[in-house]
């Protein structure tokens, strides 16, 4: 499943298991997908008991069971429809009113003031919208026009809030007498002004990449209830049992199709890295909640455990060797290691900035050693994020999102997170097709493990670094060929390249022949 769904479940498990946060009843609202077709019963109808008779009507004149008859005028009227009927779809204006009412109420429809913060309500709304639109993107195929329209319309509603998050900046104004005056004017907050357009571009690119698969005919999907013999070697043996089985021709994909899929994977991978970079930067800017800090052990050894602590604090440390010695076979084990590493980094960082020797955070380890341990732990964390981009949110990330009060941060984090999830989903679906192709060519590869990861060159020990949003977006802009390149376009593109190469080769041969036959070449 996509990452936002996993993260939603991990958030619920974390809150229930740790008991860190109050008002646990609010969390259920953040994970429930909203239904735009539900009707709201009129307040006057709710104030009457079921057994009361209508005013002015004798009991025998009332229609028994009339509330179940949708064709009658006795049914509760919906506020979502202008004409008051129960059939048809509510207007965009009514849907928007309902959506923003939920945001203003903090998902507490009783209006008693027990709702979540505006920041968390917006984050949940973005997550739920993405889950309902992209949650079943199980195949490499374009999104339906209805889903595209709904996504663009409703995400625009939620992002419109950022147009009104402003900051004061100095500006020059010329008065009537020609005097220059410096005044303060408002403009959109700088981080939103830079990142919202970038995320919108990544959003459009991902949908366009999915549109590129409209012409594919060399791979197809089998339904989940297909016979085992029909699925053959391509049937899934991992935990993604709900995904359809990919089928390719007996001899595998053509060379052009394979190259095109690899090219699409590179494009989506670059979008993934850009979204990850923006998301990581926003989470870094969020404050660490006191509730998370209070839940931490007193030292790094207690957080990591003796074995991991000894491996990180040795004199000669190699992060790749460290990770190769740890069992990372399941998502749960990867997330557990990530939580321990992040907790130890926070502990060591707090100790380095704590001046009070009598503090319970104090210890006999020198500041230089703590700084060295922190750098090693951060290197491990970066490698994990690059190698396993689809893992759920860590306990620290969940805590930051839960307690964050900055609406701008919540929108940037939520939007970048769901785009990261969609990009990872598309890469996973491309990996499924390439895996089916490799099985058709070599059935012995059936037991090999496949997990999408970022470019290997960026996870080599000693060269790993945090992703920079502007740098990753610039790389995406510099990648050759247009984004909307279907398989047919790709075939033509490669044909043009091959033709140019052959022309160049022919011209070079002709030039060499001229040199050999020229009279001057013999002297």
Protein backbone atom coordinates (compact mmCIF):
# COMPACT_ATOMS: atom_id res chain seq x y z
CA UNK A 1 0.00 0.00 0.00
CA UNK A 2 1.14 3.53 -0.43
CA UNK A 3 3.13 5.27 2.19
CA UNK A 4 0.45 7.61 3.53
CA UNK A 5 -1.77 4.62 4.33
CA UNK A 6 1.08 2.88 6.12
CA UNK A 7 1.88 6.04 7.98
CA UNK A 8 -1.73 6.45 9.00
CA UNK A 9 -1.76 2.99 10.52
CA UNK A 10 1.63 3.49 12.14
CA UNK A 11 0.38 6.74 13.69
CA UNK A 12 -2.57 4.95 15.25
CA UNK A 13 -0.41 2.07 16.53
CA UNK A 14 2.14 4.46 17.96
CA UNK A 15 -0.42 6.58 19.76
CA UNK A 16 -2.16 3.53 21.22
CA UNK A 17 1.06 1.72 22.16
CA UNK A 18 3.01 4.60 23.68
CA UNK A 19 0.17 6.44 25.37
CA UNK A 20 2.01 9.68 24.76
CA UNK A 21 -0.84 11.78 23.52
CA UNK A 22 -4.09 12.80 25.12
CA UNK A 23 -7.60 12.72 23.64
CA UNK A 24 -7.08 9.49 21.78
CA UNK A 25 -10.64 9.66 20.52
CA UNK A 26 -9.61 12.41 18.10
CA UNK A 27 -7.18 10.22 16.22
CA UNK A 28 -9.88 8.09 14.72
CA UNK A 29 -11.17 11.07 12.76
CA UNK A 30 -7.79 11.57 11.06
CA UNK A 31 -7.80 8.08 9.57
CA UNK A 32 -11.41 7.87 8.38
CA UNK A 33 -11.83 8.58 4.69
CA UNK A 34 -14.45 11.24 4.17
CA UNK A 35 -17.57 10.52 2.17
CA UNK A 36 -18.77 13.42 0.12
CA UNK A 37 -22.09 11.77 -0.55
CA UNK A 38 -23.37 11.61 3.03
CA UNK A 39 -26.45 13.67 3.83
CA UNK A 40 -26.91 15.83 6.90
CA UNK A 41 -30.21 15.57 8.74
CA UNK A 42 -32.02 18.83 9.42
CA UNK A 43 -31.83 20.11 13.00
CA UNK A 44 -35.60 20.36 13.31
CA UNK A 45 -36.01 16.73 12.35
CA UNK A 46 -33.45 15.70 14.96
CA UNK A 47 -35.33 17.56 17.69
CA UNK A 48 -38.38 15.32 17.27
CA UNK A 49 -38.64 11.87 18.76
CA UNK A 50 -39.48 8.98 16.50
CA UNK A 51 -42.75 8.29 18.26
CA UNK A 52 -44.12 11.84 18.17
CA UNK A 53 -46.93 12.71 15.82
CA UNK A 54 -46.69 15.57 13.35
CA UNK A 55 -48.33 18.78 14.58
CA UNK A 56 -51.87 19.21 13.36
CA UNK A 57 -52.18 15.65 12.09
CA UNK A 58 -54.05 12.83 13.74
CA UNK A 59 -52.11 9.63 14.29
CA UNK A 60 -54.10 7.66 11.71
CA UNK A 61 -53.32 10.25 9.01
CA UNK A 62 -49.57 9.73 9.26
CA UNK A 63 -47.89 7.41 6.77
CA UNK A 64 -46.27 4.51 8.57
CA UNK A 65 -42.67 4.02 7.44
CA UNK A 66 -42.68 7.24 5.42
CA UNK A 67 -39.10 8.00 6.50
CA UNK A 68 -37.99 4.97 4.51
CA UNK A 69 -39.76 6.12 1.37
CA UNK A 70 -37.28 8.28 -0.53
CA UNK A 71 -39.91 9.36 -3.03
CA UNK A 72 -42.07 11.08 -0.41
CA UNK A 73 -41.75 14.53 1.07
CA UNK A 74 -41.52 13.20 4.62
CA UNK A 75 -37.82 12.30 4.51
CA UNK A 76 -35.12 14.40 6.20
CA UNK A 77 -33.77 16.99 3.78
CA UNK A 78 -30.06 17.27 3.06
CA UNK A 79 -28.29 20.59 3.37
CA UNK A 80 -25.81 19.47 0.72
CA UNK A 81 -28.36 19.89 -2.06
CA UNK A 82 -29.92 23.20 -3.00
CA UNK A 83 -33.30 21.75 -3.83
CA UNK A 84 -33.35 19.76 -0.58
CA UNK A 85 -33.63 16.37 -2.30
CA UNK A 86 -31.61 13.28 -1.42
CA UNK A 87 -30.71 12.27 -4.96
CA UNK A 88 -27.93 13.71 -7.12
CA UNK A 89 -24.49 15.08 -6.23
CA UNK A 90 -23.89 18.07 -3.96
CA UNK A 91 -22.49 21.19 -5.57
CA UNK A 92 -18.82 22.15 -5.29
CA UNK A 93 -19.76 25.06 -3.06
CA UNK A 94 -21.61 22.81 -0.62
CA UNK A 95 -18.74 20.30 -0.58
CA UNK A 96 -16.27 23.06 0.09
CA UNK A 97 -18.41 24.43 2.91
CA UNK A 98 -18.58 20.98 4.50
CA UNK A 99 -14.82 20.44 4.11
CA UNK A 100 -13.84 23.76 5.66
CA UNK A 101 -16.43 23.37 8.42
CA UNK A 102 -14.67 20.16 9.47
CA UNK A 103 -11.32 21.97 9.39
CA UNK A 104 -12.62 24.87 11.49
CA UNK A 105 -14.17 22.46 13.99
CA UNK A 106 -10.91 20.51 14.23
CA UNK A 107 -12.74 17.32 13.20
CA UNK A 108 -14.91 17.58 16.32
CA UNK A 109 -18.38 17.73 14.80
CA UNK A 110 -19.99 18.27 18.20
CA UNK A 111 -18.49 21.77 18.27
CA UNK A 112 -17.53 21.39 21.92
CA UNK A 113 -13.95 22.58 21.39
CA UNK A 114 -12.31 19.18 21.79
CA UNK A 115 -11.06 19.03 18.21
CA UNK A 116 -7.48 18.86 17.00
CA UNK A 117 -5.46 21.91 15.98
CA UNK A 118 -6.00 23.56 12.60
CA UNK A 119 -2.56 22.38 11.50
CA UNK A 120 -3.28 18.74 12.28
CA UNK A 121 -6.78 18.95 10.79
CA UNK A 122 -5.31 20.21 7.49
CA UNK A 123 -2.62 17.53 7.54
CA UNK A 124 -5.24 14.84 8.09
CA UNK A 125 -7.45 16.28 5.34
CA UNK A 126 -4.59 16.12 2.79
CA UNK A 127 -3.71 12.59 3.88
CA UNK A 128 -7.31 11.36 3.68
CA UNK A 129 -7.88 12.98 0.30
CA UNK A 130 -4.75 11.35 -1.14
CA UNK A 131 -5.69 7.99 0.35
CA UNK A 132 -9.13 8.08 -1.28
CA UNK A 133 -7.76 9.20 -4.67
CA UNK A 134 -4.45 7.31 -4.93
CA UNK A 135 -5.03 4.50 -2.46
CA UNK A 136 -5.90 1.95 -5.14
CA UNK A 137 -3.32 2.89 -7.78
CA UNK A 138 -2.41 -0.77 -8.20
CA UNK A 139 -1.59 -0.72 -11.91
CA UNK A 140 0.56 1.26 -14.30
CA UNK A 141 -2.26 3.07 -16.01
CA UNK A 142 -3.58 6.64 -16.25
CA UNK A 143 -5.91 7.95 -13.58
CA UNK A 144 -9.52 8.30 -14.60
CA UNK A 145 -10.71 11.77 -15.59
CA UNK A 146 -13.07 11.80 -12.59
CA UNK A 147 -10.28 11.06 -10.11
CA UNK A 148 -8.02 13.68 -11.70
CA UNK A 149 -10.73 16.30 -11.53
CA UNK A 150 -11.55 15.50 -7.92
CA UNK A 151 -7.89 15.55 -6.89
CA UNK A 152 -7.09 18.87 -8.54
CA UNK A 153 -10.27 20.50 -7.25
CA UNK A 154 -10.00 19.39 -3.62
CA UNK A 155 -6.24 19.78 -3.24
CA UNK A 156 -6.63 23.32 -4.57
CA UNK A 157 -9.16 23.98 -1.81
CA UNK A 158 -6.76 22.82 0.86
CA UNK A 159 -3.73 24.59 -0.63
CA UNK A 160 -5.67 27.85 -0.93
CA UNK A 161 -5.02 28.39 2.78
CA UNK A 162 -1.36 29.08 1.99
CA UNK A 163 -2.32 32.15 -0.08
CA UNK A 164 -3.29 33.87 3.16
CA UNK A 165 -0.22 32.92 5.22
CA UNK A 166 1.91 36.05 4.90
CA UNK A 167 4.85 37.86 6.44
CA UNK A 168 5.87 41.52 6.60
CA UNK A 169 8.70 42.69 4.33
CA UNK A 170 10.11 46.20 3.79
CA UNK A 171 9.18 48.01 0.59
CA UNK A 172 9.73 51.43 -0.93
CA UNK A 173 6.82 53.79 -1.61
CA UNK A 174 6.96 57.20 -3.29
CA UNK A 175 4.65 59.80 -1.78
CA UNK A 176 2.86 62.56 -3.74
CA UNK A 177 5.67 65.06 -3.07
CA UNK A 178 8.27 62.62 -4.45
CA UNK A 179 9.63 61.50 -1.09
CA UNK A 180 10.74 57.88 -0.79
CA UNK A 181 9.36 56.11 2.24
CA UNK A 182 10.04 52.63 3.54
CA UNK A 183 6.89 50.80 4.50
CA UNK A 184 6.08 47.25 5.52
CA UNK A 185 3.94 45.23 3.14
CA UNK A 186 2.67 41.66 3.29
CA UNK A 187 3.66 38.84 0.97
CA UNK A 188 3.29 35.08 1.04
CA UNK A 189 5.65 33.43 3.50
CA UNK A 190 8.97 32.65 1.83
CA UNK A 191 9.00 28.88 2.44
CA UNK A 192 5.49 28.57 1.02
CA UNK A 193 6.28 30.84 -1.92
CA UNK A 194 9.21 28.59 -2.85
CA UNK A 195 7.87 25.11 -2.10
CA UNK A 196 4.15 25.16 -3.00
CA UNK A 197 4.80 25.86 -6.73
CA UNK A 198 7.57 23.22 -6.71
CA UNK A 199 5.24 20.63 -5.16
CA UNK A 200 2.47 21.50 -7.63
CA UNK A 201 4.94 20.87 -10.44
CA UNK A 202 5.93 17.50 -8.98
CA UNK A 203 2.23 16.68 -8.60
CA UNK A 204 1.53 17.44 -12.28
CA UNK A 205 4.59 15.46 -13.36
CA UNK A 206 3.53 12.31 -11.52
CA UNK A 207 0.04 12.37 -13.02
CA UNK A 208 1.59 12.97 -16.44
CA UNK A 209 3.97 10.04 -15.99
CA UNK A 210 0.98 7.80 -15.27
CA UNK A 211 -0.68 9.11 -18.44
CA UNK A 212 2.37 7.93 -20.39
CA UNK A 213 1.30 4.30 -19.80
CA UNK A 214 -1.89 4.62 -21.83
CA UNK A 215 -0.29 3.01 -24.92
CA UNK A 216 1.45 0.05 -23.31
CA UNK A 217 0.53 -3.34 -24.76
CA UNK A 218 3.48 -5.57 -23.85
CA UNK A 219 2.42 -6.18 -20.26
CA UNK A 220 -1.00 -6.70 -18.69
CA UNK A 221 -2.55 -7.61 -15.35
CA UNK A 222 -4.43 -10.65 -14.12
CA UNK A 223 -7.24 -10.42 -11.63
CA UNK A 224 -6.64 -11.59 -8.08
CA UNK A 225 -9.03 -14.52 -8.47
CA UNK A 226 -7.25 -15.87 -11.58
CA UNK A 227 -6.12 -19.51 -11.59
CA UNK A 228 -2.67 -20.35 -10.18
CA UNK A 229 -1.70 -21.93 -13.49
CA UNK A 230 -2.58 -18.73 -15.32
CA UNK A 231 -0.47 -16.62 -12.97
CA UNK A 232 2.56 -18.89 -13.40
CA UNK A 233 5.93 -17.73 -12.06
CA UNK A 234 4.84 -14.09 -11.87
CA UNK A 235 2.46 -14.48 -8.92
CA UNK A 236 3.46 -12.52 -5.82
CA UNK A 237 4.98 -14.25 -2.83
CA UNK A 238 5.49 -11.16 -0.65
CA UNK A 239 3.09 -9.35 1.69
CA UNK A 240 1.45 -7.35 -1.14
CA UNK A 241 -1.07 -10.10 -1.84
CA UNK A 242 -3.81 -7.66 -2.89
CA UNK A 243 -1.87 -6.37 -5.92
CA UNK A 244 -2.73 -7.84 -9.33
CA UNK A 245 -0.23 -10.15 -11.02
CA UNK A 246 1.78 -8.71 -13.92
CA UNK A 247 2.09 -10.76 -17.10
CA UNK A 248 4.55 -10.24 -19.96
CA UNK A 249 5.15 -12.17 -23.20
CA UNK A 250 6.87 -15.58 -22.80
CA UNK A 251 10.21 -14.17 -24.00
CA UNK A 252 9.92 -10.99 -21.95
CA UNK A 253 9.54 -7.37 -23.00
CA UNK A 254 11.14 -5.92 -26.09
CA UNK A 255 14.38 -3.99 -25.69
CA UNK A 256 12.66 -0.68 -26.44
CA UNK A 257 9.95 -1.30 -23.83
CA UNK A 258 12.53 -2.23 -21.22
CA UNK A 259 14.55 0.92 -21.89
CA UNK A 260 11.40 3.04 -21.79
CA UNK A 261 10.37 1.58 -18.44
CA UNK A 262 13.84 2.23 -17.05
CA UNK A 263 13.63 5.80 -18.32
CA UNK A 264 10.23 6.33 -16.69
CA UNK A 265 11.60 4.89 -13.47
CA UNK A 266 14.49 7.38 -13.51
CA UNK A 267 12.07 10.28 -14.00
CA UNK A 268 9.78 9.20 -11.17
CA UNK A 269 12.80 8.47 -8.97
CA UNK A 270 13.94 12.08 -9.39
CA UNK A 271 10.47 13.30 -8.38
CA UNK A 272 10.66 11.01 -5.35
CA UNK A 273 13.99 12.51 -4.28
CA UNK A 274 12.71 16.07 -4.69
CA UNK A 275 9.59 15.33 -2.60
CA UNK A 276 11.70 13.58 0.04
CA UNK A 277 14.05 16.55 0.24
CA UNK A 278 11.21 19.04 0.79
CA UNK A 279 9.54 16.76 3.35
CA UNK A 280 12.79 16.24 5.28
CA UNK A 281 13.47 19.99 5.37
CA UNK A 282 10.00 20.77 6.69
CA UNK A 283 10.20 18.09 9.39
CA UNK A 284 13.61 19.42 10.40
CA UNK A 285 12.09 22.89 10.92
CA UNK A 286 9.36 21.55 13.21
CA UNK A 287 10.05 21.66 16.92
CA UNK A 288 10.62 18.43 18.82
CA UNK A 289 7.64 18.05 21.21
CA UNK A 290 8.31 17.84 24.92
CA UNK A 291 6.18 14.70 25.08
CA UNK A 292 8.65 12.93 22.77
CA UNK A 293 11.66 14.16 24.74
CA UNK A 294 10.14 13.00 28.02
CA UNK A 295 9.63 9.52 26.58
CA UNK A 296 13.33 9.10 25.70
CA UNK A 297 15.78 7.06 27.79
CA UNK A 298 18.49 8.95 29.66
CA UNK A 299 21.38 7.86 27.44
CA UNK A 300 22.17 6.57 23.98
CA UNK A 301 23.12 3.10 25.17
CA UNK A 302 19.66 2.56 26.66
CA UNK A 303 18.06 3.72 23.42
CA UNK A 304 20.17 1.63 21.06
CA UNK A 305 20.82 -1.43 23.19
CA UNK A 306 24.27 -2.78 24.03
CA UNK A 307 24.90 -4.45 20.69
CA UNK A 308 24.03 -1.47 18.47
CA UNK A 309 25.76 0.94 20.85
CA UNK A 310 29.05 -1.00 20.69
CA UNK A 311 28.84 -1.19 16.90
CA UNK A 312 28.43 2.59 16.57
CA UNK A 313 31.01 3.59 19.19
CA UNK A 314 33.90 1.43 17.94
CA UNK A 315 37.16 3.16 17.01
CA UNK A 316 36.91 2.31 13.29
CA UNK A 317 33.36 2.70 12.00
CA UNK A 318 31.96 1.73 8.58
CA UNK A 319 28.22 2.46 8.12
CA UNK A 320 27.81 -0.05 5.28
CA UNK A 321 29.42 -2.79 7.35
CA UNK A 322 27.23 -1.79 10.29
CA UNK A 323 24.02 -2.11 8.23
CA UNK A 324 25.13 -5.39 6.65
CA UNK A 325 25.42 -6.91 10.12
CA UNK A 326 21.80 -6.03 11.05
CA UNK A 327 18.67 -7.90 10.05
CA UNK A 328 16.66 -5.51 7.84
CA UNK A 329 14.51 -8.17 6.21
CA UNK A 330 11.16 -6.65 7.23
CA UNK A 331 9.67 -3.18 7.28
CA UNK A 332 9.09 -3.44 11.04
CA UNK A 333 12.79 -4.09 11.70
CA UNK A 334 13.85 -1.18 9.51
CA UNK A 335 11.44 1.17 11.27
CA UNK A 336 12.57 -0.07 14.69
CA UNK A 337 16.21 0.68 13.83
CA UNK A 338 15.25 4.11 12.49
CA UNK A 339 13.40 4.94 15.72
CA UNK A 340 16.36 3.89 17.86
CA UNK A 341 18.85 5.85 15.74
CA UNK A 342 16.74 9.02 15.80
CA UNK A 343 16.22 8.76 19.55
CA UNK A 344 19.97 8.37 20.17
CA UNK A 345 20.72 11.41 17.96
CA UNK A 346 18.30 13.56 19.99
CA UNK A 347 19.80 12.32 23.26
CA UNK A 348 23.41 13.02 22.22
CA UNK A 349 22.47 16.40 20.75
CA UNK A 350 20.73 17.47 23.95
CA UNK A 351 23.70 16.41 26.02
CA UNK A 352 26.07 18.44 23.87
CA UNK A 353 23.92 21.56 24.31
CA UNK A 354 23.29 21.01 28.03
CA UNK A 355 25.66 23.05 30.19
CA UNK A 356 24.44 21.86 33.58
CA UNK A 357 26.77 19.11 34.84
CA UNK A 358 24.24 18.05 37.46
CA UNK A 359 21.55 17.43 34.87
CA UNK A 360 20.25 13.86 34.64
CA UNK A 361 21.31 14.03 30.98
CA UNK A 362 24.96 14.36 31.95
CA UNK A 363 27.48 11.51 31.64
CA UNK A 364 31.19 10.76 31.55
CA UNK A 365 31.38 10.67 27.72
CA UNK A 366 33.23 13.68 26.28
CA UNK A 367 31.58 16.18 23.97
CA UNK A 368 33.90 15.19 21.13
CA UNK A 369 32.86 11.56 21.42
CA UNK A 370 29.17 12.45 21.54
CA UNK A 371 29.57 14.60 18.42
CA UNK A 372 31.34 11.73 16.66
CA UNK A 373 28.60 9.27 17.67
CA UNK A 374 25.91 11.68 16.50
CA UNK A 375 27.57 12.06 13.07
CA UNK A 376 27.76 8.29 12.69
CA UNK A 377 24.12 7.86 13.64
CA UNK A 378 23.07 10.57 11.17
CA UNK A 379 25.01 8.82 8.41
CA UNK A 380 23.19 5.56 9.17
CA UNK A 381 19.86 7.40 9.16
CA UNK A 382 20.54 8.99 5.77
CA UNK A 383 21.50 5.65 4.25
CA UNK A 384 18.30 4.09 5.60
CA UNK A 385 16.19 6.88 4.12
CA UNK A 386 17.87 6.50 0.72
CA UNK A 387 17.83 2.72 0.66
CA UNK A 388 14.28 2.28 2.00
CA UNK A 389 12.29 5.34 0.88
CA UNK A 390 8.90 3.69 1.38
CA UNK A 391 9.06 2.89 5.09
CA UNK A 392 6.40 4.43 7.38
CA UNK A 393 6.99 7.50 9.49
CA UNK A 394 9.19 7.24 12.52
CA UNK A 395 8.04 7.95 16.08
CA UNK A 396 9.78 11.34 15.94
CA UNK A 397 8.03 12.34 12.70
CA UNK A 398 4.63 11.27 14.03
CA UNK A 399 5.18 13.23 17.22
CA UNK A 400 6.20 16.37 15.30
CA UNK A 401 3.16 16.21 13.04
CA UNK A 402 0.85 15.54 16.00
CA UNK A 403 2.04 18.53 18.04
CA UNK A 404 2.90 20.97 15.25
CA UNK A 405 0.87 24.20 15.36
CA UNK A 406 2.27 25.88 12.23
CA UNK A 407 -0.34 25.56 9.47
CA UNK A 408 2.19 26.32 6.73
CA UNK A 409 4.49 23.54 7.88
CA UNK A 410 1.59 21.09 8.14
CA UNK A 411 0.49 21.75 4.55
CA UNK A 412 4.03 21.50 3.16
CA UNK A 413 4.72 18.32 5.11
CA UNK A 414 1.43 16.65 4.20
CA UNK A 415 1.56 17.60 0.51
CA UNK A 416 5.20 16.53 0.07
CA UNK A 417 4.56 13.30 1.98
CA UNK A 418 1.67 12.16 -0.18
CA UNK A 419 3.59 13.03 -3.37
CA UNK A 420 6.51 11.03 -2.01
CA UNK A 421 4.10 8.17 -1.40
CA UNK A 422 2.63 8.34 -4.90
CA UNK A 423 6.10 8.47 -6.48
CA UNK A 424 7.18 5.44 -4.48
CA UNK A 425 4.00 3.62 -5.55
CA UNK A 426 4.66 4.30 -9.23
CA UNK A 427 8.26 3.12 -8.88
CA UNK A 428 7.05 -0.04 -7.15
CA UNK A 429 4.60 -0.75 -9.98
CA UNK A 430 7.38 -0.25 -12.56
CA UNK A 431 9.56 -2.60 -10.51
CA UNK A 432 6.77 -5.20 -10.65
CA UNK A 433 6.77 -5.12 -14.46
CA UNK A 434 10.55 -5.25 -14.69
CA UNK A 435 10.59 -8.13 -12.20
CA UNK A 436 8.03 -10.04 -14.29
CA UNK A 437 10.20 -9.40 -17.35
CA UNK A 438 13.32 -10.71 -15.58
CA UNK A 439 11.41 -13.83 -14.48
CA UNK A 440 10.31 -14.49 -18.06
CA UNK A 441 13.93 -14.32 -19.16
CA UNK A 442 15.41 -16.18 -16.19
CA UNK A 443 12.97 -18.13 -13.92
CA UNK A 444 15.80 -18.80 -11.42
CA UNK A 445 15.45 -15.20 -10.19
CA UNK A 446 12.09 -16.01 -8.60
CA UNK A 447 13.40 -15.95 -5.03
CA UNK A 448 15.25 -12.65 -5.39
CA UNK A 449 14.09 -9.79 -3.18
CA UNK A 450 13.05 -6.57 -4.83
CA UNK A 451 12.67 -3.23 -3.13
CA UNK A 452 12.85 0.15 -4.85
CA UNK A 453 15.69 2.34 -3.63
CA UNK A 454 17.39 5.54 -4.66
CA UNK A 455 20.49 5.67 -6.83
CA UNK A 456 23.23 3.45 -5.45
CA UNK A 457 25.89 6.09 -6.06
CA UNK A 458 24.25 8.27 -3.43
CA UNK A 459 24.42 5.65 -0.69
CA UNK A 460 28.08 4.78 -0.95
CA UNK A 461 29.88 5.08 2.34
CA UNK A 462 31.57 8.44 2.72
CA UNK A 463 29.52 10.21 0.01
CA UNK A 464 26.04 10.02 1.51
CA UNK A 465 24.45 13.41 2.02
CA UNK A 466 21.07 14.93 2.73
CA UNK A 467 18.94 15.71 -0.31
CA UNK A 468 18.65 19.38 -1.25
CA UNK A 469 15.21 20.37 -2.65
CA UNK A 470 16.43 23.00 -5.14
CA UNK A 471 19.23 20.76 -6.36
CA UNK A 472 16.90 17.80 -6.94
CA UNK A 473 14.32 19.93 -8.78
CA UNK A 474 17.07 21.39 -10.99
CA UNK A 475 18.21 17.86 -11.83
CA UNK A 476 14.64 17.00 -12.79
CA UNK A 477 14.43 20.04 -15.06
CA UNK A 478 17.71 19.15 -16.77
CA UNK A 479 16.74 15.56 -17.57
CA UNK A 480 16.52 15.07 -21.33
CA UNK A 481 13.34 14.52 -23.35
CA UNK A 482 9.85 15.78 -22.48
CA UNK A 483 8.04 14.31 -19.49
CA UNK A 484 4.97 13.33 -21.52
CA UNK A 485 6.79 10.71 -23.56
CA UNK A 486 4.73 7.63 -24.31
CA UNK A 487 6.22 4.36 -25.51
CA UNK A 488 5.51 5.33 -29.14
CA UNK A 489 7.24 8.68 -28.66
CA UNK A 490 10.15 6.94 -27.00
CA UNK A 491 10.51 4.54 -29.92
CA UNK A 492 10.57 7.47 -32.32
CA UNK A 493 12.98 9.36 -30.11
CA UNK A 494 15.41 6.46 -30.04
CA UNK A 495 14.95 5.94 -33.77
CA UNK A 496 15.93 9.56 -34.37
CA UNK A 497 18.97 9.14 -32.14
CA UNK A 498 19.99 5.95 -33.95
CA UNK A 499 19.50 7.67 -37.31
CA UNK A 500 21.67 10.59 -36.26
CA UNK A 501 24.35 8.22 -35.01
CA UNK A 502 24.29 6.28 -38.28
CA UNK A 503 24.49 9.51 -40.30
CA UNK A 504 27.46 10.64 -38.25
CA UNK A 505 29.14 7.26 -38.65
CA UNK A 506 28.52 7.30 -42.43
CA UNK A 507 29.88 10.83 -42.78
CA UNK A 508 33.01 9.86 -40.83
CA UNK A 509 33.56 6.83 -43.08
CA UNK A 510 33.05 8.97 -46.19
CA UNK A 511 35.52 11.53 -44.89
CA UNK A 512 38.10 8.81 -44.22
CA UNK A 513 37.55 7.41 -47.73
CA UNK A 514 38.11 10.85 -49.25
CA UNK A 515 41.35 11.23 -47.34
CA UNK A 516 42.56 7.85 -48.63
CA UNK A 517 41.71 8.66 -52.28
CA UNK A 518 42.94 12.26 -52.18
CA UNK A 519 46.25 12.90 -54.05
CA UNK A 520 47.56 14.96 -51.14
CA UNK A 521 47.16 12.03 -48.79
CA UNK A 522 49.89 10.10 -50.61
CA UNK A 523 52.55 12.77 -49.94
